[in-house]
Protein backbone atom coordinates (compact mmCIF):
# COMPACT_ATOMS: atom_id res chain seq x y z
CA MET A 1 50.88 85.72 67.58
CA ARG A 2 54.47 84.65 68.41
CA ASN A 3 54.78 83.05 64.99
CA GLU A 4 53.47 84.88 62.64
CA GLY A 5 57.26 85.94 62.78
CA ILE A 6 58.62 83.00 62.15
CA HIS A 7 56.28 81.18 59.65
CA GLY A 8 57.20 83.90 57.66
CA GLU A 9 60.61 83.65 57.58
CA ILE A 10 59.67 79.52 56.60
CA VAL A 11 57.88 81.24 53.61
CA ASP A 12 60.59 83.16 52.57
CA ALA A 13 63.11 80.31 52.40
CA LEU A 14 60.78 78.07 50.78
CA ALA A 15 60.81 80.92 47.80
CA GLY A 16 64.43 81.39 47.91
CA PRO A 17 66.55 78.16 48.95
CA GLY A 18 63.47 75.75 49.24
CA TYR A 19 64.77 75.19 52.75
CA VAL A 20 65.47 76.23 55.92
CA ALA A 21 66.13 74.88 59.97
CA VAL A 22 63.95 77.24 62.46
CA THR A 23 65.73 77.37 66.20
CA GLY A 24 63.14 78.14 69.20
CA TYR A 25 60.01 77.23 66.82
CA ALA A 26 57.45 76.28 69.76
CA GLY A 27 59.24 76.33 73.13
CA VAL A 28 60.82 74.35 75.99
CA GLU A 29 57.83 73.44 77.52
CA ASN A 30 55.80 71.64 74.42
CA VAL A 31 58.88 69.47 73.84
CA LEU A 32 58.08 68.51 77.37
CA ALA A 33 54.73 68.02 76.46
CA LEU A 34 55.44 66.56 73.61
CA LEU A 35 58.06 64.09 74.64
CA ALA A 36 55.53 63.06 77.33
CA SER A 37 52.73 62.91 74.34
CA LEU A 38 55.33 60.21 72.86
CA ASP A 39 56.00 58.14 75.46
CA THR A 40 52.85 57.44 76.29
CA ARG A 41 52.39 56.27 73.05
CA GLN A 42 55.33 53.95 73.73
CA GLN A 43 54.09 52.68 76.61
CA ALA A 44 50.75 51.31 75.67
CA GLY A 45 52.87 49.73 72.88
CA ARG A 46 51.58 52.15 69.41
CA PHE A 47 54.94 52.80 68.02
CA HIS A 48 55.39 49.98 65.20
CA HIS A 49 58.82 49.22 62.33
CA ALA A 50 58.34 51.59 59.69
CA GLY A 51 58.16 49.91 56.23
CA ILE A 52 59.31 51.18 52.59
CA GLY A 53 57.64 50.66 49.94
CA VAL A 54 53.26 50.08 48.86
CA GLY A 55 51.14 47.26 48.96
CA ALA A 56 52.35 43.88 47.69
CA ALA A 57 56.20 45.46 47.96
CA ARG A 58 55.76 47.00 51.18
CA ALA A 59 58.59 45.51 53.64
CA LEU A 60 60.74 46.36 56.47
CA ALA A 61 64.11 47.48 55.66
CA PRO A 62 66.26 48.35 58.93
CA ALA A 63 69.10 49.05 56.97
CA ILE A 64 67.17 50.89 54.75
CA ARG A 65 64.95 52.92 57.41
CA GLY A 66 65.40 51.83 60.91
CA ASP A 67 63.04 54.27 63.28
CA ARG A 68 59.33 52.96 64.70
CA ILE A 69 56.63 55.17 64.25
CA SER A 70 53.11 56.36 66.04
CA TRP A 71 50.83 58.06 62.92
CA ILE A 72 48.59 60.86 64.42
CA ASP A 73 45.30 60.14 63.68
CA GLY A 74 43.75 63.59 65.34
CA PRO A 75 45.38 64.95 68.24
CA GLU A 76 44.59 63.25 71.44
CA ASP A 77 45.91 65.62 73.78
CA CYS A 78 46.53 69.06 74.53
CA ALA A 79 50.21 69.04 73.19
CA GLU A 80 49.69 66.97 69.87
CA GLU A 81 46.51 69.70 69.70
CA ALA A 82 48.32 72.50 70.26
CA PHE A 83 51.91 71.98 67.96
CA LEU A 84 49.23 70.75 65.18
CA THR A 85 47.62 73.78 65.73
CA ARG A 86 50.72 75.38 65.33
CA LEU A 87 51.81 73.62 61.91
CA ASP A 88 48.55 74.78 60.50
CA GLY A 89 49.23 78.35 61.28
CA LEU A 90 52.31 77.87 58.64
CA ARG A 91 50.25 76.12 56.24
CA VAL A 92 48.35 79.03 56.28
CA SER A 93 51.33 81.83 55.36
CA SER A 94 52.25 79.03 53.11
CA ASN A 95 49.15 79.06 50.94
CA HIS A 96 49.19 83.22 51.42
CA GLY A 97 52.35 83.48 50.31
CA LEU A 98 53.18 81.09 47.66
CA MET A 99 49.76 80.16 46.47
CA MET A 100 50.49 76.44 47.63
CA GLY A 101 47.44 75.20 48.07
CA LEU A 102 48.10 73.04 50.78
CA GLU A 103 44.94 71.02 52.14
CA ALA A 104 46.39 68.62 54.88
CA LEU A 105 48.97 67.36 57.23
CA ASP A 106 49.88 63.80 57.80
CA MET A 107 52.27 63.89 60.90
CA HIS A 108 53.53 60.57 62.97
CA PHE A 109 56.38 60.78 66.02
CA ALA A 110 59.41 58.68 65.08
CA SER A 111 61.88 56.38 67.88
CA PHE A 112 65.48 55.97 66.19
CA ALA A 113 67.05 53.42 68.44
CA PRO A 114 71.03 53.79 68.79
CA GLY A 115 72.37 53.08 65.79
CA ALA A 116 69.79 53.34 63.72
CA GLY A 117 69.39 55.83 60.66
CA TYR A 118 67.27 56.21 57.46
CA VAL A 119 69.35 56.34 53.98
CA ARG A 120 69.38 58.66 51.68
CA HIS A 121 65.80 59.43 50.25
CA LEU A 122 63.16 61.50 48.78
CA ASP A 123 60.11 61.89 50.54
CA ARG A 124 57.94 60.85 47.95
CA SER A 125 54.33 59.13 48.71
CA PRO A 126 54.29 55.16 48.18
CA THR A 127 50.69 56.23 47.82
CA GLY A 128 51.20 58.44 44.85
CA VAL A 129 49.85 60.97 47.33
CA ASP A 130 51.88 64.86 46.53
CA ARG A 131 53.76 65.84 49.33
CA VAL A 132 54.53 68.86 49.23
CA VAL A 133 56.73 70.40 52.26
CA SER A 134 58.09 68.06 54.49
CA VAL A 135 58.44 69.49 58.15
CA ILE A 136 60.25 67.77 60.64
CA TYR A 137 60.42 68.77 64.66
CA TYR A 138 62.99 67.45 66.94
CA LEU A 139 62.16 66.83 71.01
CA ASN A 140 65.74 65.84 71.84
CA GLN A 141 66.72 67.34 74.73
CA ASP A 142 70.80 68.26 75.72
CA TRP A 143 72.06 67.42 72.22
CA GLN A 144 75.62 67.28 72.45
CA ALA A 145 78.47 67.58 69.42
CA GLY A 146 79.26 64.03 68.36
CA ASP A 147 76.25 62.06 69.30
CA GLY A 148 75.03 62.11 65.72
CA GLY A 149 71.67 61.52 64.52
CA GLU A 150 71.74 64.85 61.85
CA LEU A 151 69.55 65.31 59.10
CA GLU A 152 72.58 65.62 55.81
CA ILE A 153 70.04 67.58 53.20
CA GLU A 154 72.07 67.43 49.77
CA THR A 155 71.52 70.93 48.14
CA ALA A 156 72.77 72.33 45.32
CA ASN A 157 75.40 74.35 46.97
CA GLY A 158 76.44 71.01 48.64
CA LEU A 159 75.36 68.99 51.95
CA VAL A 160 73.51 70.89 54.77
CA LEU A 161 73.93 69.27 58.34
CA VAL A 162 71.11 69.84 60.75
CA GLU A 163 72.10 68.40 64.41
CA PRO A 164 68.46 67.11 65.88
CA ARG A 165 68.21 69.52 69.04
CA ALA A 166 64.70 69.82 71.19
CA ASP A 167 62.76 72.69 69.61
CA THR A 168 64.10 73.15 66.02
CA LEU A 169 61.92 72.65 62.81
CA VAL A 170 63.08 71.81 59.58
CA VAL A 171 61.34 72.44 56.65
CA PHE A 172 62.24 71.63 53.29
CA LEU A 173 60.37 71.57 49.80
CA SER A 174 59.64 67.70 49.86
CA ALA A 175 60.09 66.70 45.63
CA GLN A 176 63.63 68.99 45.64
CA PHE A 177 65.44 67.32 48.47
CA SER A 178 67.04 64.26 49.19
CA HIS A 179 67.95 63.66 52.78
CA THR A 180 69.81 60.95 55.21
CA VAL A 181 68.62 60.16 58.85
CA LEU A 182 72.54 59.95 60.46
CA PRO A 183 72.92 57.19 63.12
CA ALA A 184 73.26 58.23 66.65
CA VAL A 185 74.61 57.06 69.73
CA ARG A 186 71.71 57.95 71.77
CA GLU A 187 67.53 57.15 70.79
CA ARG A 188 66.44 60.48 68.09
CA CYS A 189 63.32 61.67 68.55
CA SER A 190 60.96 64.40 66.16
CA LEU A 191 57.73 64.60 64.79
CA ALA A 192 57.97 64.05 60.63
CA GLY A 193 54.96 64.62 58.28
CA TRP A 194 54.29 66.37 55.12
CA PHE A 195 51.58 68.77 53.72
CA HIS A 196 49.28 67.92 50.80
CA ARG A 197 47.65 69.37 48.21
CA ARG A 198 44.93 66.41 47.77
CA PRO A 199 43.47 64.11 50.31
CA LEU A 200 45.72 61.46 52.33
CA GLY A 201 46.46 58.39 51.36
CA ARG A 202 49.01 56.88 53.95
CA PRO A 203 50.32 53.56 54.10
CA SER A 204 49.04 51.06 56.64
């Protein structure tokens, strides 16, 4: 299978530095199909402003987190199903190679309008559910130097910048790497999510 090698590389990276950015993960056709899925959701009004916190403390804070999101509650079309199946291969490889015990994936589409970003944070779940491995898949075609929107990962060796170019998958250990989404000059789209070791407890 095409991604067996890629998943092996990702598992090796998780065992080593703990993070990796892989180009050419799923192919241009998959990017286009997922962009169509995203557009369908946007046209149907199924995106909402992402919040921070949980329960009574949950609030919208666009100066801190400026994206709009649409949760994937089970795949709704062939593109979503194929991509989630591909990512499940990563889950299986991670469990086999690193005995992580990953059980579930929580994922959403995300759209940052021009100028919007997300300040430095760790991927801690506001509901207390363990987020073990974070994944981000970019859908931005023809992204150019100077468009901005980089993912800035803080590592022991300094900051690592990842441009949000289409068909790039970023994977990192959720509890170990704080990161920032820098503002861009154009809309920045992706799928983002987390592998968990126990059932999901997503905020509404």
